[in-house]
């Protein structure tokens, strides 16, 4: 069973600057991908898959104007493009409204961190290109394997939300022994 845990981060000033930068890069990549999809659709093109958009962004990053994208993890831009493409697909399947561009002042700052590169030890998380960040409740993290880690800011504090592998809870085990479904 996978259980979701949200824990407060305690970054230094330099780490907090990098967290803000990562959230900004995520917002940029999402908006860029959504703009490409919208432009392609108005020109009569078919849906652009996220792999093609990621390749195009990689070429764009190599220009001098977009070198700043290299200061953050490439997984942030990769996941933001995937999220934009999924939102666009959901609209055409009539599962949601047309995706909106993320605005700096209206959108919750957040970004994805690769679960393979996320490390935890002694009350700290290693976030790629940010460093080891202390957390407030280390005893809530009971696993070394994480699923879909997202870092977000709620207006006052930074948080990390992760899914962690957990054994079956005692109530479920008791119900299985007794024979209750």
N, C-alpha and C. Protein backbone atom coordinates (compact mmCIF):
# COMPACT_ATOMS: atom_id res chain seq x y z
N UNK A 1 0.84 -1.16 0.00
CA UNK A 1 0.00 0.00 0.00
C UNK A 1 0.90 1.25 0.00
N UNK A 2 0.51 2.25 -0.77
CA UNK A 2 1.27 3.50 -0.83
C UNK A 2 0.50 4.56 -0.04
N UNK A 3 1.21 5.20 0.86
CA UNK A 3 0.64 6.22 1.73
C UNK A 3 1.29 7.56 1.39
N UNK A 4 0.51 8.61 1.37
CA UNK A 4 1.02 9.94 1.06
C UNK A 4 1.46 10.65 2.34
N UNK A 5 2.62 11.30 2.27
CA UNK A 5 3.15 12.03 3.42
C UNK A 5 3.58 13.42 2.94
N UNK A 6 3.19 14.43 3.69
CA UNK A 6 3.58 15.80 3.38
C UNK A 6 4.34 16.34 4.58
N UNK A 7 5.59 16.75 4.35
CA UNK A 7 6.46 17.18 5.43
C UNK A 7 7.04 18.56 5.10
N UNK A 8 7.15 19.40 6.10
CA UNK A 8 7.68 20.75 5.90
C UNK A 8 9.19 20.72 5.74
N UNK A 9 9.68 21.47 4.77
CA UNK A 9 11.11 21.63 4.54
C UNK A 9 11.62 22.85 5.30
N UNK A 10 12.88 22.81 5.70
CA UNK A 10 13.51 23.95 6.38
C UNK A 10 14.77 24.35 5.60
N UNK A 11 14.58 25.04 4.46
CA UNK A 11 15.73 25.39 3.62
C UNK A 11 16.51 26.59 4.16
N UNK A 12 17.79 26.64 3.80
CA UNK A 12 18.59 27.84 4.07
C UNK A 12 18.17 28.90 3.05
N UNK A 13 18.70 30.11 3.19
CA UNK A 13 18.35 31.18 2.24
C UNK A 13 18.76 30.82 0.81
N UNK A 14 19.94 30.26 0.64
CA UNK A 14 20.42 29.87 -0.69
C UNK A 14 19.56 28.74 -1.26
N UNK A 15 19.20 27.77 -0.43
CA UNK A 15 18.34 26.67 -0.88
C UNK A 15 16.96 27.19 -1.25
N UNK A 16 16.44 28.13 -0.49
CA UNK A 16 15.13 28.68 -0.80
C UNK A 16 15.16 29.42 -2.13
N UNK A 17 16.24 30.11 -2.44
CA UNK A 17 16.39 30.77 -3.73
C UNK A 17 16.34 29.74 -4.87
N UNK A 18 17.01 28.60 -4.65
CA UNK A 18 17.01 27.55 -5.67
C UNK A 18 15.63 26.89 -5.81
N UNK A 19 14.90 26.78 -4.69
CA UNK A 19 13.54 26.24 -4.75
C UNK A 19 12.64 27.16 -5.56
N UNK A 20 12.75 28.47 -5.34
CA UNK A 20 11.97 29.43 -6.11
C UNK A 20 12.33 29.35 -7.59
N UNK A 21 13.61 29.22 -7.86
CA UNK A 21 14.08 29.13 -9.25
C UNK A 21 13.51 27.87 -9.92
N UNK A 22 13.50 26.76 -9.19
CA UNK A 22 12.97 25.50 -9.73
C UNK A 22 11.47 25.62 -10.01
N UNK A 23 10.73 26.27 -9.12
CA UNK A 23 9.30 26.46 -9.33
C UNK A 23 9.05 27.34 -10.55
N UNK A 24 9.89 28.35 -10.74
CA UNK A 24 9.77 29.22 -11.90
C UNK A 24 10.07 28.50 -13.20
N UNK A 25 11.07 27.64 -13.20
CA UNK A 25 11.40 26.86 -14.39
C UNK A 25 10.26 25.91 -14.72
N UNK A 26 9.66 25.31 -13.70
CA UNK A 26 8.53 24.41 -13.92
C UNK A 26 7.37 25.16 -14.56
N UNK A 27 7.06 26.36 -14.05
CA UNK A 27 5.99 27.16 -14.60
C UNK A 27 6.29 27.56 -16.04
N UNK A 28 7.54 27.95 -16.31
CA UNK A 28 7.95 28.32 -17.67
C UNK A 28 7.76 27.15 -18.63
N UNK A 29 8.24 25.96 -18.26
CA UNK A 29 8.16 24.79 -19.14
C UNK A 29 6.70 24.40 -19.40
N UNK A 30 5.87 24.46 -18.37
CA UNK A 30 4.44 24.14 -18.52
C UNK A 30 3.79 25.11 -19.51
N UNK A 31 4.02 26.40 -19.30
CA UNK A 31 3.42 27.41 -20.17
C UNK A 31 3.96 27.31 -21.59
N UNK A 32 5.24 27.04 -21.73
CA UNK A 32 5.85 26.90 -23.05
C UNK A 32 5.21 25.73 -23.80
N UNK A 33 5.07 24.58 -23.13
CA UNK A 33 4.47 23.40 -23.77
C UNK A 33 3.01 23.65 -24.11
N UNK A 34 2.27 24.28 -23.21
CA UNK A 34 0.87 24.58 -23.46
C UNK A 34 0.73 25.54 -24.64
N UNK A 35 1.62 26.54 -24.72
CA UNK A 35 1.61 27.48 -25.84
C UNK A 35 1.90 26.79 -27.16
N UNK A 36 2.85 25.86 -27.16
CA UNK A 36 3.16 25.09 -28.37
C UNK A 36 1.96 24.26 -28.80
N UNK A 37 1.30 23.60 -27.86
CA UNK A 37 0.12 22.79 -28.18
C UNK A 37 -0.99 23.66 -28.76
N UNK A 38 -1.22 24.80 -28.13
CA UNK A 38 -2.28 25.70 -28.57
C UNK A 38 -1.99 26.24 -29.97
N UNK A 39 -0.75 26.66 -30.20
CA UNK A 39 -0.34 27.16 -31.52
C UNK A 39 -0.48 26.08 -32.59
N UNK A 40 -0.06 24.88 -32.26
CA UNK A 40 -0.15 23.76 -33.19
C UNK A 40 -1.61 23.47 -33.54
N UNK A 41 -2.48 23.52 -32.55
CA UNK A 41 -3.90 23.23 -32.77
C UNK A 41 -4.55 24.29 -33.65
N UNK A 42 -4.23 25.57 -33.40
CA UNK A 42 -4.82 26.65 -34.22
C UNK A 42 -4.33 26.59 -35.67
N UNK A 43 -3.14 26.02 -35.89
CA UNK A 43 -2.61 25.86 -37.24
C UNK A 43 -3.10 24.57 -37.90
N UNK A 44 -3.99 23.84 -37.23
CA UNK A 44 -4.57 22.63 -37.80
C UNK A 44 -3.75 21.38 -37.59
N UNK A 45 -2.74 21.44 -36.74
CA UNK A 45 -1.89 20.27 -36.49
C UNK A 45 -2.51 19.32 -35.49
N UNK A 46 -1.95 18.12 -35.44
CA UNK A 46 -2.40 17.13 -34.46
C UNK A 46 -1.67 17.36 -33.14
N UNK A 47 -2.06 16.59 -32.15
CA UNK A 47 -1.47 16.68 -30.81
C UNK A 47 0.03 16.40 -30.88
N UNK A 48 0.82 17.25 -30.23
CA UNK A 48 2.27 17.03 -30.13
C UNK A 48 2.53 16.19 -28.89
N UNK A 49 3.25 15.09 -29.03
CA UNK A 49 3.50 14.30 -27.83
C UNK A 49 4.63 14.93 -27.01
N UNK A 50 4.66 14.59 -25.74
CA UNK A 50 5.61 15.23 -24.83
C UNK A 50 7.07 14.93 -25.18
N UNK A 51 7.34 13.79 -25.79
CA UNK A 51 8.72 13.45 -26.17
C UNK A 51 9.26 14.45 -27.20
N UNK A 52 8.43 14.80 -28.19
CA UNK A 52 8.85 15.77 -29.20
C UNK A 52 9.04 17.16 -28.60
N UNK A 53 8.17 17.53 -27.71
CA UNK A 53 8.30 18.84 -27.05
C UNK A 53 9.54 18.91 -26.18
N UNK A 54 9.85 17.82 -25.49
CA UNK A 54 11.07 17.80 -24.65
C UNK A 54 12.31 17.93 -25.52
N UNK A 55 12.33 17.28 -26.68
CA UNK A 55 13.47 17.40 -27.59
C UNK A 55 13.62 18.83 -28.09
N UNK A 56 12.50 19.45 -28.41
CA UNK A 56 12.51 20.83 -28.88
C UNK A 56 13.01 21.77 -27.79
N UNK A 57 12.60 21.53 -26.54
CA UNK A 57 13.07 22.37 -25.43
C UNK A 57 14.56 22.18 -25.20
N UNK A 58 15.06 20.97 -25.38
CA UNK A 58 16.49 20.72 -25.22
C UNK A 58 17.30 21.54 -26.22
N UNK A 59 16.83 21.61 -27.45
CA UNK A 59 17.49 22.43 -28.47
C UNK A 59 17.41 23.90 -28.09
N UNK A 60 16.24 24.32 -27.58
CA UNK A 60 16.05 25.70 -27.17
C UNK A 60 16.98 26.08 -26.02
N UNK A 61 17.20 25.15 -25.10
CA UNK A 61 18.07 25.40 -23.94
C UNK A 61 19.50 25.72 -24.35
N UNK A 62 19.91 25.24 -25.49
CA UNK A 62 21.29 25.43 -25.91
C UNK A 62 21.57 26.83 -26.44
N UNK A 63 20.51 27.62 -26.68
CA UNK A 63 20.72 29.00 -27.09
C UNK A 63 21.11 29.83 -25.86
N UNK A 64 21.79 30.94 -26.10
CA UNK A 64 22.25 31.78 -24.99
C UNK A 64 21.11 32.37 -24.18
N UNK A 65 19.99 32.59 -24.83
CA UNK A 65 18.84 33.20 -24.15
C UNK A 65 18.25 32.30 -23.07
N UNK A 66 18.37 30.98 -23.23
CA UNK A 66 17.75 30.04 -22.30
C UNK A 66 18.76 29.20 -21.52
N UNK A 67 19.99 29.64 -21.38
CA UNK A 67 21.01 28.91 -20.62
C UNK A 67 20.62 28.75 -19.15
N UNK A 68 19.81 29.66 -18.64
CA UNK A 68 19.40 29.64 -17.24
C UNK A 68 18.60 28.37 -16.90
N UNK A 69 18.06 27.70 -17.90
CA UNK A 69 17.31 26.47 -17.64
C UNK A 69 18.22 25.34 -17.16
N UNK A 70 19.52 25.45 -17.44
CA UNK A 70 20.47 24.43 -16.99
C UNK A 70 20.79 24.52 -15.49
N UNK A 71 20.38 25.60 -14.84
CA UNK A 71 20.68 25.77 -13.42
C UNK A 71 19.80 24.90 -12.52
N UNK A 72 18.76 24.31 -13.10
CA UNK A 72 17.88 23.43 -12.34
C UNK A 72 17.91 22.04 -12.97
N UNK A 73 17.32 21.09 -12.30
CA UNK A 73 17.28 19.72 -12.79
C UNK A 73 16.47 19.63 -14.07
N UNK A 74 16.93 18.81 -15.01
CA UNK A 74 16.19 18.62 -16.26
C UNK A 74 14.88 17.86 -16.02
N UNK A 75 14.77 17.15 -14.92
CA UNK A 75 13.55 16.42 -14.61
C UNK A 75 12.38 17.36 -14.31
N UNK A 76 12.68 18.56 -13.86
CA UNK A 76 11.63 19.53 -13.58
C UNK A 76 10.94 19.93 -14.87
N UNK A 77 11.72 20.27 -15.89
CA UNK A 77 11.13 20.65 -17.18
C UNK A 77 10.45 19.46 -17.85
N UNK A 78 11.06 18.30 -17.72
CA UNK A 78 10.48 17.09 -18.33
C UNK A 78 9.09 16.81 -17.77
N UNK A 79 8.94 16.86 -16.45
CA UNK A 79 7.65 16.56 -15.83
C UNK A 79 6.64 17.67 -16.09
N UNK A 80 7.09 18.93 -16.12
CA UNK A 80 6.17 20.03 -16.39
C UNK A 80 5.58 19.91 -17.80
N UNK A 81 6.39 19.49 -18.76
CA UNK A 81 5.89 19.28 -20.12
C UNK A 81 4.91 18.11 -20.15
N UNK A 82 5.23 17.04 -19.43
CA UNK A 82 4.29 15.91 -19.36
C UNK A 82 2.97 16.34 -18.74
N UNK A 83 3.02 17.14 -17.68
CA UNK A 83 1.81 17.62 -17.02
C UNK A 83 0.97 18.47 -17.96
N UNK A 84 1.62 19.35 -18.75
CA UNK A 84 0.89 20.19 -19.70
C UNK A 84 0.24 19.34 -20.78
N UNK A 85 0.95 18.36 -21.29
CA UNK A 85 0.40 17.48 -22.32
C UNK A 85 -0.77 16.66 -21.78
N UNK A 86 -0.65 16.18 -20.55
CA UNK A 86 -1.76 15.42 -19.94
C UNK A 86 -2.99 16.30 -19.73
N UNK A 87 -2.78 17.55 -19.31
CA UNK A 87 -3.90 18.47 -19.13
C UNK A 87 -4.58 18.74 -20.48
N UNK A 88 -3.79 18.88 -21.52
CA UNK A 88 -4.32 19.13 -22.86
C UNK A 88 -5.11 17.92 -23.36
N UNK A 89 -4.59 16.71 -23.11
CA UNK A 89 -5.30 15.49 -23.50
C UNK A 89 -6.62 15.35 -22.77
N UNK A 90 -6.62 15.66 -21.45
CA UNK A 90 -7.85 15.55 -20.65
C UNK A 90 -8.93 16.48 -21.17
N UNK A 91 -8.53 17.66 -21.68
CA UNK A 91 -9.51 18.59 -22.23
C UNK A 91 -10.20 17.97 -23.45
N UNK A 92 -9.44 17.38 -24.34
CA UNK A 92 -10.02 16.81 -25.56
C UNK A 92 -10.79 15.52 -25.30
N UNK A 93 -10.54 14.88 -24.18
CA UNK A 93 -11.34 13.72 -23.79
C UNK A 93 -12.58 14.16 -23.00
N UNK A 94 -12.75 15.49 -22.86
CA UNK A 94 -13.87 16.10 -22.12
C UNK A 94 -13.88 15.70 -20.64
N UNK A 95 -12.69 15.52 -20.08
CA UNK A 95 -12.56 15.18 -18.67
C UNK A 95 -12.31 16.42 -17.81
N UNK A 96 -11.92 17.54 -18.45
CA UNK A 96 -11.65 18.76 -17.69
C UNK A 96 -11.78 19.97 -18.61
N UNK A 97 -11.67 21.14 -18.02
CA UNK A 97 -11.74 22.38 -18.79
C UNK A 97 -10.41 22.59 -19.52
N UNK A 98 -10.41 23.56 -20.44
CA UNK A 98 -9.18 23.85 -21.18
C UNK A 98 -8.11 24.30 -20.19
N UNK A 99 -6.89 23.74 -20.29
CA UNK A 99 -5.84 24.11 -19.33
C UNK A 99 -5.46 25.58 -19.45
N UNK A 100 -5.23 26.19 -18.31
CA UNK A 100 -4.86 27.60 -18.28
C UNK A 100 -3.35 27.74 -18.11
N UNK A 101 -2.83 28.84 -18.60
CA UNK A 101 -1.43 29.14 -18.39
C UNK A 101 -1.23 29.46 -16.91
N UNK A 102 -0.09 29.04 -16.38
CA UNK A 102 0.20 29.30 -14.96
C UNK A 102 0.74 30.72 -14.82
N UNK A 103 0.12 31.47 -13.92
CA UNK A 103 0.54 32.85 -13.69
C UNK A 103 1.34 32.92 -12.41
N UNK A 104 2.34 33.76 -12.41
CA UNK A 104 3.26 33.85 -11.29
C UNK A 104 2.55 34.17 -9.97
N UNK A 105 1.58 35.04 -10.01
CA UNK A 105 0.93 35.48 -8.78
C UNK A 105 -0.28 34.65 -8.39
N UNK A 106 -0.83 33.89 -9.31
CA UNK A 106 -2.06 33.14 -9.04
C UNK A 106 -1.87 31.65 -8.83
N UNK A 107 -0.75 31.12 -9.27
CA UNK A 107 -0.54 29.68 -9.23
C UNK A 107 0.33 29.29 -8.04
N UNK A 108 0.01 28.17 -7.42
CA UNK A 108 0.80 27.67 -6.31
C UNK A 108 2.17 27.23 -6.83
N UNK A 109 3.27 27.81 -6.31
CA UNK A 109 4.60 27.41 -6.77
C UNK A 109 4.88 25.95 -6.38
N UNK A 110 5.18 25.13 -7.37
CA UNK A 110 5.47 23.73 -7.10
C UNK A 110 6.28 23.15 -8.26
N UNK A 111 6.93 22.03 -7.99
CA UNK A 111 7.67 21.33 -9.04
C UNK A 111 7.88 19.88 -8.63
N UNK A 112 8.24 19.09 -9.61
CA UNK A 112 8.48 17.65 -9.45
C UNK A 112 9.96 17.41 -9.18
N UNK A 113 10.25 16.41 -8.39
CA UNK A 113 11.63 15.96 -8.19
C UNK A 113 11.68 14.47 -8.56
N UNK A 114 12.68 14.08 -9.28
CA UNK A 114 12.80 12.69 -9.71
C UNK A 114 12.91 11.78 -8.50
N UNK A 115 12.04 10.76 -8.43
CA UNK A 115 12.04 9.88 -7.27
C UNK A 115 13.30 9.02 -7.17
N UNK A 116 13.98 8.77 -8.28
CA UNK A 116 15.22 7.99 -8.25
C UNK A 116 16.35 8.79 -7.62
N UNK A 117 16.36 10.10 -7.87
CA UNK A 117 17.44 10.95 -7.36
C UNK A 117 17.14 11.56 -6.00
N UNK A 118 15.94 11.33 -5.49
CA UNK A 118 15.57 11.84 -4.17
C UNK A 118 16.12 10.90 -3.11
N UNK A 119 16.91 11.43 -2.20
CA UNK A 119 17.52 10.64 -1.13
C UNK A 119 17.07 11.19 0.21
N UNK A 120 17.02 10.30 1.22
CA UNK A 120 16.64 10.69 2.57
C UNK A 120 17.58 10.06 3.57
N UNK A 121 18.10 10.84 4.50
CA UNK A 121 18.89 10.31 5.61
C UNK A 121 18.96 11.34 6.73
N UNK A 122 18.90 10.86 7.93
CA UNK A 122 19.08 11.67 9.14
C UNK A 122 18.28 12.97 9.14
N UNK A 123 17.01 12.90 8.80
CA UNK A 123 16.15 14.07 8.86
C UNK A 123 16.37 15.08 7.74
N UNK A 124 16.95 14.64 6.61
CA UNK A 124 17.21 15.54 5.49
C UNK A 124 16.85 14.85 4.18
N UNK A 125 16.38 15.65 3.23
CA UNK A 125 16.14 15.19 1.87
C UNK A 125 17.18 15.80 0.95
N UNK A 126 17.68 15.03 0.01
CA UNK A 126 18.56 15.54 -1.03
C UNK A 126 17.71 15.82 -2.26
N UNK A 127 17.57 17.08 -2.58
CA UNK A 127 16.83 17.49 -3.76
C UNK A 127 17.86 17.90 -4.81
N UNK A 128 17.71 17.33 -6.00
CA UNK A 128 18.68 17.52 -7.07
C UNK A 128 18.91 19.01 -7.38
N UNK A 129 20.17 19.41 -7.40
CA UNK A 129 20.65 20.76 -7.68
C UNK A 129 20.23 21.80 -6.64
N UNK A 130 19.69 21.33 -5.51
CA UNK A 130 19.35 22.23 -4.39
C UNK A 130 20.22 21.86 -3.20
N UNK A 131 20.36 20.57 -2.93
CA UNK A 131 21.19 20.10 -1.82
C UNK A 131 20.37 19.41 -0.75
N UNK A 132 21.04 19.10 0.37
CA UNK A 132 20.39 18.45 1.51
C UNK A 132 19.58 19.49 2.27
N UNK A 133 18.28 19.26 2.41
CA UNK A 133 17.39 20.18 3.11
C UNK A 133 16.81 19.48 4.32
N UNK A 134 16.91 20.15 5.47
CA UNK A 134 16.34 19.59 6.70
C UNK A 134 14.82 19.57 6.61
N UNK A 135 14.21 18.62 7.31
CA UNK A 135 12.75 18.55 7.37
C UNK A 135 12.30 18.62 8.83
N UNK A 136 11.03 18.92 9.04
CA UNK A 136 10.54 19.12 10.41
C UNK A 136 10.18 17.83 11.13
N UNK A 137 9.60 16.86 10.44
CA UNK A 137 9.14 15.64 11.11
C UNK A 137 9.76 14.40 10.45
N UNK A 138 10.99 14.13 10.79
CA UNK A 138 11.71 13.03 10.15
C UNK A 138 11.12 11.66 10.49
N UNK A 139 10.47 11.54 11.64
CA UNK A 139 9.91 10.24 12.05
C UNK A 139 8.73 9.80 11.19
N UNK A 140 8.15 10.70 10.38
CA UNK A 140 7.03 10.34 9.50
C UNK A 140 7.51 9.64 8.23
N UNK A 141 8.78 9.75 7.91
CA UNK A 141 9.33 9.11 6.71
C UNK A 141 9.84 7.74 7.13
N UNK A 142 9.14 6.70 6.67
CA UNK A 142 9.48 5.34 7.12
C UNK A 142 10.00 4.48 5.99
N UNK A 143 10.27 5.07 4.83
CA UNK A 143 10.69 4.28 3.68
C UNK A 143 11.85 4.98 2.98
N UNK A 144 12.57 4.22 2.18
CA UNK A 144 13.64 4.79 1.36
C UNK A 144 13.21 4.87 -0.10
N UNK A 145 12.04 4.32 -0.42
CA UNK A 145 11.53 4.34 -1.78
C UNK A 145 10.35 5.30 -1.84
N UNK A 146 10.42 6.27 -2.77
CA UNK A 146 9.42 7.32 -2.85
C UNK A 146 8.72 7.30 -4.20
N UNK A 147 7.46 7.74 -4.20
CA UNK A 147 6.66 7.82 -5.41
C UNK A 147 6.17 9.25 -5.61
N UNK A 148 6.29 9.75 -6.84
CA UNK A 148 5.79 11.06 -7.26
C UNK A 148 6.08 12.19 -6.27
N UNK A 149 7.34 12.46 -5.98
CA UNK A 149 7.65 13.55 -5.05
C UNK A 149 7.41 14.92 -5.68
N UNK A 150 6.70 15.77 -4.97
CA UNK A 150 6.42 17.14 -5.41
C UNK A 150 6.80 18.09 -4.29
N UNK A 151 7.45 19.18 -4.65
CA UNK A 151 7.81 20.21 -3.70
C UNK A 151 6.88 21.40 -3.97
N UNK A 152 6.30 21.97 -2.92
CA UNK A 152 5.36 23.07 -3.11
C UNK A 152 5.52 24.11 -2.00
N UNK A 153 4.98 25.28 -2.28
CA UNK A 153 5.04 26.40 -1.34
C UNK A 153 3.61 26.84 -1.06
N UNK A 154 3.25 26.98 0.21
CA UNK A 154 1.86 27.32 0.56
C UNK A 154 1.66 28.79 0.93
N UNK A 155 2.66 29.61 0.71
CA UNK A 155 2.56 31.02 1.06
C UNK A 155 3.39 31.37 2.30
N UNK A 156 3.77 30.34 3.04
CA UNK A 156 4.58 30.55 4.24
C UNK A 156 5.75 29.57 4.30
N UNK A 157 5.50 28.30 4.01
CA UNK A 157 6.53 27.27 4.12
C UNK A 157 6.62 26.44 2.84
N UNK A 158 7.77 25.81 2.65
CA UNK A 158 7.98 24.84 1.58
C UNK A 158 7.68 23.46 2.13
N UNK A 159 7.05 22.61 1.33
CA UNK A 159 6.71 21.24 1.72
C UNK A 159 7.16 20.27 0.64
N UNK A 160 7.39 19.04 1.07
CA UNK A 160 7.61 17.96 0.12
C UNK A 160 6.51 16.92 0.37
N UNK A 161 5.85 16.52 -0.71
CA UNK A 161 4.82 15.49 -0.65
C UNK A 161 5.34 14.28 -1.40
N UNK A 162 5.32 13.13 -0.74
CA UNK A 162 5.80 11.90 -1.37
C UNK A 162 4.85 10.75 -1.03
N UNK A 163 4.82 9.80 -1.91
CA UNK A 163 4.13 8.56 -1.62
C UNK A 163 5.17 7.57 -1.12
N UNK A 164 4.88 6.89 -0.01
CA UNK A 164 5.84 5.92 0.52
C UNK A 164 5.17 4.56 0.65
N UNK A 165 5.97 3.53 0.47
CA UNK A 165 5.49 2.16 0.58
C UNK A 165 5.24 1.85 2.05
N UNK A 166 4.09 1.26 2.33
CA UNK A 166 3.74 0.94 3.71
C UNK A 166 3.14 -0.46 3.75
N UNK A 167 3.44 -1.18 4.80
CA UNK A 167 2.80 -2.48 4.99
C UNK A 167 1.32 -2.26 5.24
N UNK A 168 0.56 -3.32 5.14
CA UNK A 168 -0.88 -3.20 5.39
C UNK A 168 -1.12 -2.71 6.82
N UNK A 169 -2.08 -1.81 7.01
CA UNK A 169 -2.36 -1.35 8.37
C UNK A 169 -2.93 -2.48 9.23
N UNK A 170 -2.80 -2.33 10.52
CA UNK A 170 -3.22 -3.37 11.47
C UNK A 170 -4.71 -3.69 11.33
N UNK A 171 -5.56 -2.71 11.07
CA UNK A 171 -7.00 -2.94 10.93
C UNK A 171 -7.27 -3.87 9.75
N UNK A 172 -6.58 -3.66 8.63
CA UNK A 172 -6.77 -4.52 7.46
C UNK A 172 -6.32 -5.94 7.75
N UNK A 173 -5.17 -6.07 8.43
CA UNK A 173 -4.69 -7.40 8.78
C UNK A 173 -5.66 -8.11 9.70
N UNK A 174 -6.21 -7.40 10.68
CA UNK A 174 -7.17 -7.99 11.61
C UNK A 174 -8.43 -8.43 10.87
N UNK A 175 -8.91 -7.61 9.94
CA UNK A 175 -10.10 -7.97 9.16
C UNK A 175 -9.86 -9.21 8.31
N UNK A 176 -8.66 -9.37 7.77
CA UNK A 176 -8.34 -10.55 6.97
C UNK A 176 -8.32 -11.80 7.84
N UNK A 177 -7.79 -11.68 9.07
CA UNK A 177 -7.74 -12.83 9.98
C UNK A 177 -9.15 -13.24 10.38
N UNK A 178 -9.98 -12.26 10.66
CA UNK A 178 -11.36 -12.55 11.07
C UNK A 178 -12.20 -13.01 9.89
N UNK A 179 -11.89 -12.52 8.71
CA UNK A 179 -12.65 -12.91 7.52
C UNK A 179 -13.61 -11.84 7.05
N UNK A 180 -13.41 -10.58 7.50
CA UNK A 180 -14.27 -9.48 7.08
C UNK A 180 -13.65 -8.87 5.83
N UNK A 181 -14.49 -8.61 4.82
CA UNK A 181 -14.00 -7.97 3.59
C UNK A 181 -14.10 -6.49 3.68
